[in-house]
């Protein structure tokens, strides 16, 4: 069972304020041929927007059956193929123009080996000139102090608690509803140099790094990595 299964029905409420990335991925999708691959598609928030707005076929991969069940309801009538599986194992029948992974989803990979394997899979799946685009938050000690051990309330009595473990670059996010704890998800953050290392070892090239979805320059105060890598 995936660690995301217990709160799949509440996931959209937990991420209701996560909207800024959709137009960014739509822009990239409009420039790409189909199909477009989304890794860790979850409940289909971004994939549905791409399929609806562009009419292009999207292949979504996720390891959570419960999240995919929610996505299938959302995708009814849209040109989206959903597949249950580990993104470290994904392959495509023919090389593609664009692979995306929104919402810090790559932070679910705990080790350098896992991340390198994933980037190598992506590189193998891309056509020459194809792009891999992803975003992830930048670890901030100031933000960690603000949220460590504190409960955030969401709509519908949904809540989440966050615990930071700096020694392992790990964050443990516990989510629940009312008096019920639904489960805990661990994620592992990366630095800019670690992302650059993964791009390099996979044989990709960094096309762009922004500090936000409006192409803000990435600098010392940025709180978001918005990456685009290209296959030579």
Protein backbone atom coordinates (compact mmCIF):
# COMPACT_ATOMS: atom_id res chain seq x y z
CA UNK A 1 0.00 0.00 0.00
CA UNK A 2 1.27 3.47 -0.84
CA UNK A 3 1.73 5.93 2.03
CA UNK A 4 -0.58 8.27 0.09
CA UNK A 5 -3.52 5.84 -0.01
CA UNK A 6 -5.03 6.72 3.41
CA UNK A 7 -5.68 10.35 2.54
CA UNK A 8 -6.33 10.19 -1.20
CA UNK A 9 -9.91 11.39 -0.70
CA UNK A 10 -8.64 14.45 1.18
CA UNK A 11 -5.63 15.20 -1.00
CA UNK A 12 -7.33 17.89 -3.08
CA UNK A 13 -8.39 19.71 0.09
CA UNK A 14 -4.84 19.47 1.42
CA UNK A 15 -3.43 20.99 -1.78
CA UNK A 16 -6.22 23.44 -2.60
CA UNK A 17 -3.84 26.40 -2.49
CA UNK A 18 -1.44 24.76 -4.95
CA UNK A 19 -2.45 26.45 -8.22
CA UNK A 20 0.46 28.59 -9.40
CA UNK A 21 2.18 25.74 -11.24
CA UNK A 22 -0.67 24.77 -13.57
CA UNK A 23 -0.17 27.54 -16.14
CA UNK A 24 3.58 26.86 -16.17
CA UNK A 25 3.13 23.21 -17.10
CA UNK A 26 0.38 24.13 -19.57
CA UNK A 27 2.81 26.42 -21.38
CA UNK A 28 5.36 23.64 -21.70
CA UNK A 29 2.70 21.16 -22.81
CA UNK A 30 1.48 23.46 -25.57
CA UNK A 31 5.01 23.47 -27.03
CA UNK A 32 5.38 19.68 -26.89
CA UNK A 33 4.13 16.84 -29.02
CA UNK A 34 1.95 14.19 -27.45
CA UNK A 35 1.91 12.12 -25.38
CA UNK A 36 3.08 14.06 -22.34
CA UNK A 37 4.21 12.00 -19.35
CA UNK A 38 3.52 13.06 -15.77
CA UNK A 39 5.35 11.26 -13.00
CA UNK A 40 3.55 10.99 -9.64
CA UNK A 41 0.31 12.16 -11.24
CA UNK A 42 -1.60 11.80 -7.95
CA UNK A 43 -5.23 12.85 -8.24
CA UNK A 44 -4.57 14.38 -11.66
CA UNK A 45 -4.64 18.08 -10.84
CA UNK A 46 -2.09 19.07 -13.52
CA UNK A 47 -2.70 16.25 -16.00
CA UNK A 48 -6.41 17.07 -16.18
CA UNK A 49 -5.66 20.72 -16.93
CA UNK A 50 -3.22 19.79 -19.70
CA UNK A 51 -5.59 17.31 -21.32
CA UNK A 52 -8.56 19.66 -21.03
CA UNK A 53 -6.81 22.81 -22.27
CA UNK A 54 -4.61 21.32 -25.01
CA UNK A 55 -6.51 18.18 -26.03
CA UNK A 56 -3.20 16.31 -25.98
CA UNK A 57 -2.82 12.80 -24.64
CA UNK A 58 -1.27 12.53 -21.20
CA UNK A 59 0.24 9.42 -19.60
CA UNK A 60 0.10 9.59 -15.82
CA UNK A 61 2.07 7.28 -13.53
CA UNK A 62 1.57 6.91 -9.79
CA UNK A 63 2.23 4.24 -7.16
CA UNK A 64 -0.96 4.92 -5.16
CA UNK A 65 -4.08 2.98 -6.26
CA UNK A 66 -6.28 5.22 -4.13
CA UNK A 67 -4.90 8.43 -5.65
CA UNK A 68 -5.36 6.98 -9.13
CA UNK A 69 -8.97 6.08 -8.32
CA UNK A 70 -9.66 9.75 -7.56
CA UNK A 71 -7.82 10.74 -10.74
CA UNK A 72 -9.90 8.38 -12.88
CA UNK A 73 -13.08 10.08 -11.71
CA UNK A 74 -11.60 13.48 -12.54
CA UNK A 75 -10.30 12.33 -15.95
CA UNK A 76 -13.57 10.93 -17.28
CA UNK A 77 -13.79 11.79 -20.97
CA UNK A 78 -10.28 13.25 -21.17
CA UNK A 79 -7.38 11.80 -23.23
CA UNK A 80 -5.45 10.60 -20.18
CA UNK A 81 -3.96 7.15 -19.58
CA UNK A 82 -3.33 6.34 -15.94
CA UNK A 83 -0.92 3.61 -14.90
CA UNK A 84 -0.12 2.26 -11.45
CA UNK A 85 3.60 1.84 -10.96
CA UNK A 86 6.84 3.09 -9.48
CA UNK A 87 8.19 6.06 -11.40
CA UNK A 88 11.70 4.62 -11.02
CA UNK A 89 10.60 1.79 -13.33
CA UNK A 90 8.68 3.74 -15.95
CA UNK A 91 9.27 3.26 -19.66
CA UNK A 92 7.55 4.52 -22.81
CA UNK A 93 6.86 2.74 -26.08
CA UNK A 94 8.26 5.64 -28.10
CA UNK A 95 10.42 8.59 -26.98
CA UNK A 96 8.46 11.69 -25.94
CA UNK A 97 8.93 15.47 -26.00
CA UNK A 98 8.03 16.24 -22.41
CA UNK A 99 8.13 14.56 -19.00
CA UNK A 100 6.91 16.55 -15.99
CA UNK A 101 6.82 16.04 -12.24
CA UNK A 102 5.04 18.86 -10.37
CA UNK A 103 4.55 19.61 -6.68
CA UNK A 104 7.87 18.46 -5.20
CA UNK A 105 6.94 14.89 -6.15
CA UNK A 106 10.58 13.93 -6.70
CA UNK A 107 11.17 14.48 -2.98
CA UNK A 108 9.47 11.11 -2.43
CA UNK A 109 12.68 9.41 -3.58
CA UNK A 110 14.82 8.76 -0.48
CA UNK A 111 18.30 7.97 -1.84
CA UNK A 112 20.76 9.20 -4.43
CA UNK A 113 20.47 5.81 -6.17
CA UNK A 114 16.68 6.22 -6.48
CA UNK A 115 16.99 9.73 -7.88
CA UNK A 116 19.76 8.83 -10.31
CA UNK A 117 17.75 5.87 -11.57
CA UNK A 118 14.73 8.10 -12.12
CA UNK A 119 16.71 10.74 -14.02
CA UNK A 120 18.28 8.06 -16.19
CA UNK A 121 14.82 6.65 -16.93
CA UNK A 122 13.64 10.10 -17.93
CA UNK A 123 16.66 10.66 -20.17
CA UNK A 124 15.99 7.33 -21.90
CA UNK A 125 12.34 8.29 -22.44
CA UNK A 126 13.05 11.66 -24.09
CA UNK A 127 13.60 12.41 -27.74
CA UNK A 128 16.69 14.47 -28.59
CA UNK A 129 15.70 18.00 -27.65
CA UNK A 130 12.99 16.70 -25.31
CA UNK A 131 12.47 18.31 -21.92
CA UNK A 132 12.14 17.20 -18.32
CA UNK A 133 10.42 19.81 -16.16
CA UNK A 134 9.82 19.66 -12.41
CA UNK A 135 9.45 21.92 -9.42
CA UNK A 136 10.28 21.51 -5.75
CA UNK A 137 10.48 23.76 -2.73
CA UNK A 138 13.82 25.07 -1.53
CA UNK A 139 14.62 24.05 2.03
CA UNK A 140 14.59 27.13 4.26
CA UNK A 141 15.64 27.10 7.91
CA UNK A 142 13.33 30.06 8.51
CA UNK A 143 10.34 28.16 7.11
CA UNK A 144 11.32 25.05 9.06
CA UNK A 145 11.31 26.98 12.32
CA UNK A 146 7.92 28.43 11.44
CA UNK A 147 6.24 25.10 10.69
CA UNK A 148 8.16 22.42 12.60
CA UNK A 149 5.78 20.68 15.00
CA UNK A 150 2.86 22.97 14.21
CA UNK A 151 -0.55 21.87 12.93
CA UNK A 152 -2.03 23.47 9.82
CA UNK A 153 -5.81 23.33 9.51
CA UNK A 154 -7.43 22.87 6.10
CA UNK A 155 -11.03 22.89 4.94
CA UNK A 156 -13.31 20.08 6.07
CA UNK A 157 -11.47 19.41 9.35
CA UNK A 158 -8.45 18.21 7.39
CA UNK A 159 -5.07 18.98 8.97
CA UNK A 160 -1.38 18.26 8.69
CA UNK A 161 1.56 18.32 11.09
CA UNK A 162 5.14 18.75 9.86
CA UNK A 163 8.31 17.46 11.53
CA UNK A 164 11.76 18.35 10.17
CA UNK A 165 14.72 15.96 10.48
CA UNK A 166 17.75 17.98 9.24
CA UNK A 167 20.26 15.16 9.81
CA UNK A 168 18.52 13.15 7.06
CA UNK A 169 17.26 16.07 4.93
CA UNK A 170 13.85 14.58 5.72
CA UNK A 171 10.41 15.99 6.48
CA UNK A 172 7.66 13.83 7.98
CA UNK A 173 4.18 15.09 7.13
CA UNK A 174 1.38 13.60 9.21
CA UNK A 175 -2.13 14.19 7.91
CA UNK A 176 -5.56 13.60 9.36
CA UNK A 177 -9.21 14.57 9.57
CA UNK A 178 -10.81 15.68 12.80
CA UNK A 179 -9.66 13.33 15.56
CA UNK A 180 -8.39 10.71 13.10
CA UNK A 181 -4.76 10.47 12.00
CA UNK A 182 -4.69 9.18 8.44
CA UNK A 183 -0.98 8.58 7.95
CA UNK A 184 2.53 9.97 7.65
CA UNK A 185 4.47 10.67 4.45
CA UNK A 186 8.26 11.16 4.51
CA UNK A 187 9.95 13.35 1.90
CA UNK A 188 13.63 14.21 1.36
CA UNK A 189 14.71 17.65 0.15
CA UNK A 190 17.59 18.41 -2.26
CA UNK A 191 19.93 21.33 -2.77
CA UNK A 192 20.67 23.14 -6.04
CA UNK A 193 24.00 21.33 -6.44
CA UNK A 194 22.32 17.95 -5.93
CA UNK A 195 19.80 18.72 -8.69
CA UNK A 196 22.67 19.81 -10.94
CA UNK A 197 24.47 16.54 -10.22
CA UNK A 198 21.43 14.49 -11.20
CA UNK A 199 21.02 16.42 -14.45
CA UNK A 200 24.69 15.84 -15.24
CA UNK A 201 24.90 12.12 -14.47
CA UNK A 202 21.77 11.44 -16.55
CA UNK A 203 23.35 13.10 -19.59
CA UNK A 204 20.85 15.95 -19.62
CA UNK A 205 21.54 19.68 -19.84
CA UNK A 206 20.05 22.38 -17.63
CA UNK A 207 17.98 24.63 -19.88
CA UNK A 208 16.60 26.86 -17.15
CA UNK A 209 16.27 27.28 -13.41
CA UNK A 210 13.74 29.78 -12.13
CA UNK A 211 12.78 30.84 -8.64
CA UNK A 212 9.07 30.83 -9.45
CA UNK A 213 6.45 30.04 -12.07
CA UNK A 214 6.62 33.52 -13.61
CA UNK A 215 10.24 32.94 -14.61
CA UNK A 216 11.61 34.86 -11.65
CA UNK A 217 15.42 34.64 -11.46
CA UNK A 218 16.63 32.02 -9.02
CA UNK A 219 18.65 33.64 -6.22
CA UNK A 220 19.63 33.21 -2.59
CA UNK A 221 16.15 34.15 -1.41
CA UNK A 222 14.19 31.82 -3.72
CA UNK A 223 11.84 29.35 -2.07
CA UNK A 224 11.05 27.31 -5.20
CA UNK A 225 13.11 25.38 -7.74
CA UNK A 226 11.49 25.48 -11.19
CA UNK A 227 13.72 23.38 -13.40
CA UNK A 228 13.75 22.58 -17.12
CA UNK A 229 16.37 20.10 -18.36
CA UNK A 230 16.85 19.12 -22.00
CA UNK A 231 18.18 16.01 -23.69
CA UNK A 232 20.96 16.95 -26.14
